[in-house]
Amino acid sequence: MPDYKEMYFALYREVTKVIEQLQEIQQKTEEMYIQSEDRLILFEDKKEK
């Protein structure tokens, strides 16, 4: 009989690793954007008008 508990924990560990990798990539790209000199403004703040 398959060890469902071990299967679940293995899946959980791997999914957690992937989520952490995606978060790191997102942070890196956000930092790249913030440091960029030619940032694209997609939404205008209507309060400033």
PDB file of N, CA and C in Angstrom:
ATOM      1  N   MET A   1       0.858  -1.198   0.000  1.00  0.00           N
ATOM      2  CA  MET A   1       0.000   0.000   0.000  1.00  0.00           C
ATOM      3  C   MET A   1       0.896   1.250   0.000  1.00  0.00           C
ATOM      4  N   PRO A   2       0.568   2.229  -0.831  1.00  0.00           N
ATOM      5  CA  PRO A   2       1.373   3.452  -0.884  1.00  0.00           C
ATOM      6  C   PRO A   2       1.351   4.195   0.449  1.00  0.00           C
ATOM      7  N   ASP A   3       2.455   4.834   0.753  1.00  0.00           N
ATOM      8  CA  ASP A   3       2.565   5.633   1.972  1.00  0.00           C
ATOM      9  C   ASP A   3       2.070   7.050   1.647  1.00  0.00           C
ATOM     10  N   TYR A   4       0.764   7.262   1.780  1.00  0.00           N
ATOM     11  CA  TYR A   4       0.154   8.535   1.400  1.00  0.00           C
ATOM     12  C   TYR A   4       0.667   9.702   2.230  1.00  0.00           C
ATOM     13  N   LYS A   5       0.976   9.440   3.485  1.00  0.00           N
ATOM     14  CA  LYS A   5       1.491  10.507   4.342  1.00  0.00           C
ATOM     15  C   LYS A   5       2.835  10.996   3.799  1.00  0.00           C
ATOM     16  N   GLU A   6       3.726  10.076   3.473  1.00  0.00           N
ATOM     17  CA  GLU A   6       5.025  10.461   2.922  1.00  0.00           C
ATOM     18  C   GLU A   6       4.862  11.125   1.557  1.00  0.00           C
ATOM     19  N   MET A   7       3.940  10.638   0.747  1.00  0.00           N
ATOM     20  CA  MET A   7       3.679  11.247  -0.558  1.00  0.00           C
ATOM     21  C   MET A   7       3.206  12.693  -0.389  1.00  0.00           C
ATOM     22  N   TYR A   8       2.332  12.917   0.570  1.00  0.00           N
ATOM     23  CA  TYR A   8       1.807  14.258   0.825  1.00  0.00           C
ATOM     24  C   TYR A   8       2.930  15.194   1.266  1.00  0.00           C
ATOM     25  N   PHE A   9       3.742  14.724   2.211  1.00  0.00           N
ATOM     26  CA  PHE A   9       4.821  15.575   2.710  1.00  0.00           C
ATOM     27  C   PHE A   9       5.861  15.857   1.630  1.00  0.00           C
ATOM     28  N   ALA A  10       6.148  14.897   0.779  1.00  0.00           N
ATOM     29  CA  ALA A  10       7.085  15.124  -0.323  1.00  0.00           C
ATOM     30  C   ALA A  10       6.535  16.189  -1.267  1.00  0.00           C
ATOM     31  N   LEU A  11       5.265  16.082  -1.601  1.00  0.00           N
ATOM     32  CA  LEU A  11       4.624  17.069  -2.470  1.00  0.00           C
ATOM     33  C   LEU A  11       4.623  18.438  -1.810  1.00  0.00           C
ATOM     34  N   TYR A  12       4.293  18.491  -0.536  1.00  0.00           N
ATOM     35  CA  TYR A  12       4.258  19.751   0.208  1.00  0.00           C
ATOM     36  C   TYR A  12       5.629  20.422   0.204  1.00  0.00           C
ATOM     37  N   ARG A  13       6.677  19.648   0.460  1.00  0.00           N
ATOM     38  CA  ARG A  13       8.033  20.215   0.476  1.00  0.00           C
ATOM     39  C   ARG A  13       8.410  20.796  -0.874  1.00  0.00           C
ATOM     40  N   GLU A  14       8.117  20.082  -1.939  1.00  0.00           N
ATOM     41  CA  GLU A  14       8.486  20.552  -3.270  1.00  0.00           C
ATOM     42  C   GLU A  14       7.682  21.774  -3.696  1.00  0.00           C
ATOM     43  N   VAL A  15       6.400  21.786  -3.395  1.00  0.00           N
ATOM     44  CA  VAL A  15       5.562  22.943  -3.729  1.00  0.00           C
ATOM     45  C   VAL A  15       6.035  24.162  -2.942  1.00  0.00           C
ATOM     46  N   THR A  16       6.395  23.965  -1.693  1.00  0.00           N
ATOM     47  CA  THR A  16       6.897  25.060  -0.866  1.00  0.00           C
ATOM     48  C   THR A  16       8.178  25.635  -1.458  1.00  0.00           C
ATOM     49  N   LYS A  17       9.077  24.775  -1.925  1.00  0.00           N
ATOM     50  CA  LYS A  17      10.317  25.239  -2.555  1.00  0.00           C
ATOM     51  C   LYS A  17      10.025  26.078  -3.787  1.00  0.00           C
ATOM     52  N   VAL A  18       9.083  25.632  -4.607  1.00  0.00           N
ATOM     53  CA  VAL A  18       8.744  26.355  -5.831  1.00  0.00           C
ATOM     54  C   VAL A  18       8.140  27.721  -5.494  1.00  0.00           C
ATOM     55  N   ILE A  19       7.280  27.771  -4.505  1.00  0.00           N
ATOM     56  CA  ILE A  19       6.676  29.049  -4.096  1.00  0.00           C
ATOM     57  C   ILE A  19       7.761  30.003  -3.615  1.00  0.00           C
ATOM     58  N   GLU A  20       8.703  29.503  -2.830  1.00  0.00           N
ATOM     59  CA  GLU A  20       9.791  30.349  -2.337  1.00  0.00           C
ATOM     60  C   GLU A  20      10.651  30.853  -3.494  1.00  0.00           C
ATOM     61  N   GLN A  21      10.899  30.011  -4.489  1.00  0.00           N
ATOM     62  CA  GLN A  21      11.670  30.436  -5.655  1.00  0.00           C
ATOM     63  C   GLN A  21      10.931  31.532  -6.414  1.00  0.00           C
ATOM     64  N   LEU A  22       9.636  31.374  -6.591  1.00  0.00           N
ATOM     65  CA  LEU A  22       8.847  32.394  -7.283  1.00  0.00           C
ATOM     66  C   LEU A  22       8.865  33.715  -6.521  1.00  0.00           C
ATOM     67  N   GLN A  23       8.794  33.658  -5.198  1.00  0.00           N
ATOM     68  CA  GLN A  23       8.838  34.875  -4.395  1.00  0.00           C
ATOM     69  C   GLN A  23      10.191  35.578  -4.538  1.00  0.00           C
ATOM     70  N   GLU A  24      11.268  34.797  -4.554  1.00  0.00           N
ATOM     71  CA  GLU A  24      12.598  35.381  -4.728  1.00  0.00           C
ATOM     72  C   GLU A  24      12.730  36.038  -6.094  1.00  0.00           C
ATOM     73  N   ILE A  25      12.237  35.378  -7.119  1.00  0.00           N
ATOM     74  CA  ILE A  25      12.295  35.939  -8.472  1.00  0.00           C
ATOM     75  C   ILE A  25      11.479  37.225  -8.545  1.00  0.00           C
ATOM     76  N   GLN A  26      10.313  37.230  -7.923  1.00  0.00           N
ATOM     77  CA  GLN A  26       9.481  38.430  -7.917  1.00  0.00           C
ATOM     78  C   GLN A  26      10.209  39.575  -7.223  1.00  0.00           C
ATOM     79  N   GLN A  27      10.829  39.309  -6.086  1.00  0.00           N
ATOM     80  CA  GLN A  27      11.556  40.352  -5.365  1.00  0.00           C
ATOM     81  C   GLN A  27      12.705  40.903  -6.199  1.00  0.00           C
ATOM     82  N   LYS A  28      13.437  40.016  -6.864  1.00  0.00           N
ATOM     83  CA  LYS A  28      14.563  40.456  -7.701  1.00  0.00           C
ATOM     84  C   LYS A  28      14.083  41.354  -8.835  1.00  0.00           C
ATOM     85  N   THR A  29      13.002  40.954  -9.496  1.00  0.00           N
ATOM     86  CA  THR A  29      12.520  41.761 -10.613  1.00  0.00           C
ATOM     87  C   THR A  29      11.925  43.081 -10.129  1.00  0.00           C
ATOM     88  N   GLU A  30      11.312  43.084  -8.950  1.00  0.00           N
ATOM     89  CA  GLU A  30      10.805  44.342  -8.396  1.00  0.00           C
ATOM     90  C   GLU A  30      11.965  45.283  -8.080  1.00  0.00           C
ATOM     91  N   GLU A  31      13.056  44.746  -7.551  1.00  0.00           N
ATOM     92  CA  GLU A  31      14.230  45.569  -7.266  1.00  0.00           C
ATOM     93  C   GLU A  31      14.832  46.112  -8.556  1.00  0.00           C
ATOM     94  N   MET A  32      14.860  45.281  -9.606  1.00  0.00           N
ATOM     95  CA  MET A  32      15.362  45.734 -10.898  1.00  0.00           C
ATOM     96  C   MET A  32      14.509  46.889 -11.415  1.00  0.00           C
ATOM     97  N   TYR A  33      13.210  46.775 -11.258  1.00  0.00           N
ATOM     98  CA  TYR A  33      12.298  47.823 -11.732  1.00  0.00           C
ATOM     99  C   TYR A  33      12.507  49.116 -10.947  1.00  0.00           C
ATOM    100  N   ILE A  34      12.618  48.986  -9.630  1.00  0.00           N
ATOM    101  CA  ILE A  34      12.782  50.170  -8.785  1.00  0.00           C
ATOM    102  C   ILE A  34      14.082  50.894  -9.119  1.00  0.00           C
ATOM    103  N   GLN A  35      15.127  50.141  -9.410  1.00  0.00           N
ATOM    104  CA  GLN A  35      16.432  50.742  -9.715  1.00  0.00           C
ATOM    105  C   GLN A  35      16.525  51.257 -11.145  1.00  0.00           C
ATOM    106  N   SER A  36      15.575  50.907 -11.972  1.00  0.00           N
ATOM    107  CA  SER A  36      15.584  51.342 -13.366  1.00  0.00           C
ATOM    108  C   SER A  36      15.294  52.830 -13.448  1.00  0.00           C
ATOM    109  N   GLU A  37      15.966  53.495 -14.377  1.00  0.00           N
ATOM    110  CA  GLU A  37      15.758  54.931 -14.538  1.00  0.00           C
ATOM    111  C   GLU A  37      14.563  55.254 -15.422  1.00  0.00           C
ATOM    112  N   ASP A  38      14.207  54.358 -16.298  1.00  0.00           N
ATOM    113  CA  ASP A  38      13.101  54.632 -17.219  1.00  0.00           C
ATOM    114  C   ASP A  38      11.905  53.734 -16.903  1.00  0.00           C
ATOM    115  N   ARG A  39      11.327  53.974 -15.746  1.00  0.00           N
ATOM    116  CA  ARG A  39      10.171  53.186 -15.314  1.00  0.00           C
ATOM    117  C   ARG A  39       8.927  53.607 -16.071  1.00  0.00           C
ATOM    118  N   LEU A  40       8.127  52.633 -16.401  1.00  0.00           N
ATOM    119  CA  LEU A  40       6.864  52.876 -17.085  1.00  0.00           C
ATOM    120  C   LEU A  40       5.768  53.056 -16.034  1.00  0.00           C
ATOM    121  N   ILE A  41       5.042  54.149 -16.130  1.00  0.00           N
ATOM    122  CA  ILE A  41       3.948  54.400 -15.196  1.00  0.00           C
ATOM    123  C   ILE A  41       2.655  53.935 -15.866  1.00  0.00           C
ATOM    124  N   LEU A  42       2.056  52.911 -15.320  1.00  0.00           N
ATOM    125  CA  LEU A  42       0.859  52.347 -15.925  1.00  0.00           C
ATOM    126  C   LEU A  42      -0.406  53.024 -15.446  1.00  0.00           C
ATOM    127  N   PHE A  43      -0.411  53.465 -14.199  1.00  0.00           N
ATOM    128  CA  PHE A  43      -1.594  54.093 -13.634  1.00  0.00           C
ATOM    129  C   PHE A  43      -1.208  55.456 -13.081  1.00  0.00           C
ATOM    130  N   GLU A  44      -2.036  56.418 -13.355  1.00  0.00           N
ATOM    131  CA  GLU A  44      -1.789  57.764 -12.888  1.00  0.00           C
ATOM    132  C   GLU A  44      -2.551  57.993 -11.595  1.00  0.00           C
ATOM    133  N   ASP A  45      -1.894  58.641 -10.634  1.00  0.00           N
ATOM    134  CA  ASP A  45      -2.549  58.946  -9.380  1.00  0.00           C
ATOM    135  C   ASP A  45      -3.452  60.157  -9.605  1.00  0.00           C
ATOM    136  N   LYS A  46      -4.756  59.970  -9.498  1.00  0.00           N
ATOM    137  CA  LYS A  46      -5.725  61.027  -9.783  1.00  0.00           C
ATOM    138  C   LYS A  46      -5.712  62.112  -8.707  1.00  0.00           C
ATOM    139  N   LYS A  47      -5.175  61.826  -7.525  1.00  0.00           N
ATOM    140  CA  LYS A  47      -5.128  62.800  -6.454  1.00  0.00           C
ATOM    141  C   LYS A  47      -4.153  63.925  -6.756  1.00  0.00           C
ATOM    142  N   GLU A  48      -3.133  63.650  -7.558  1.00  0.00           N
ATOM    143  CA  GLU A  48      -2.128  64.653  -7.849  1.00  0.00           C
ATOM    144  C   GLU A  48      -2.630  65.730  -8.795  1.00  0.00           C
ATOM    145  N   LYS A  49      -3.693  65.521  -9.517  1.00  0.00           N
ATOM    146  CA  LYS A  49      -4.221  66.494 -10.490  1.00  0.00           C
ATOM    147  C   LYS A  49      -4.974  67.604  -9.836  1.00  0.00           C
TER     148      LYS A  49
END
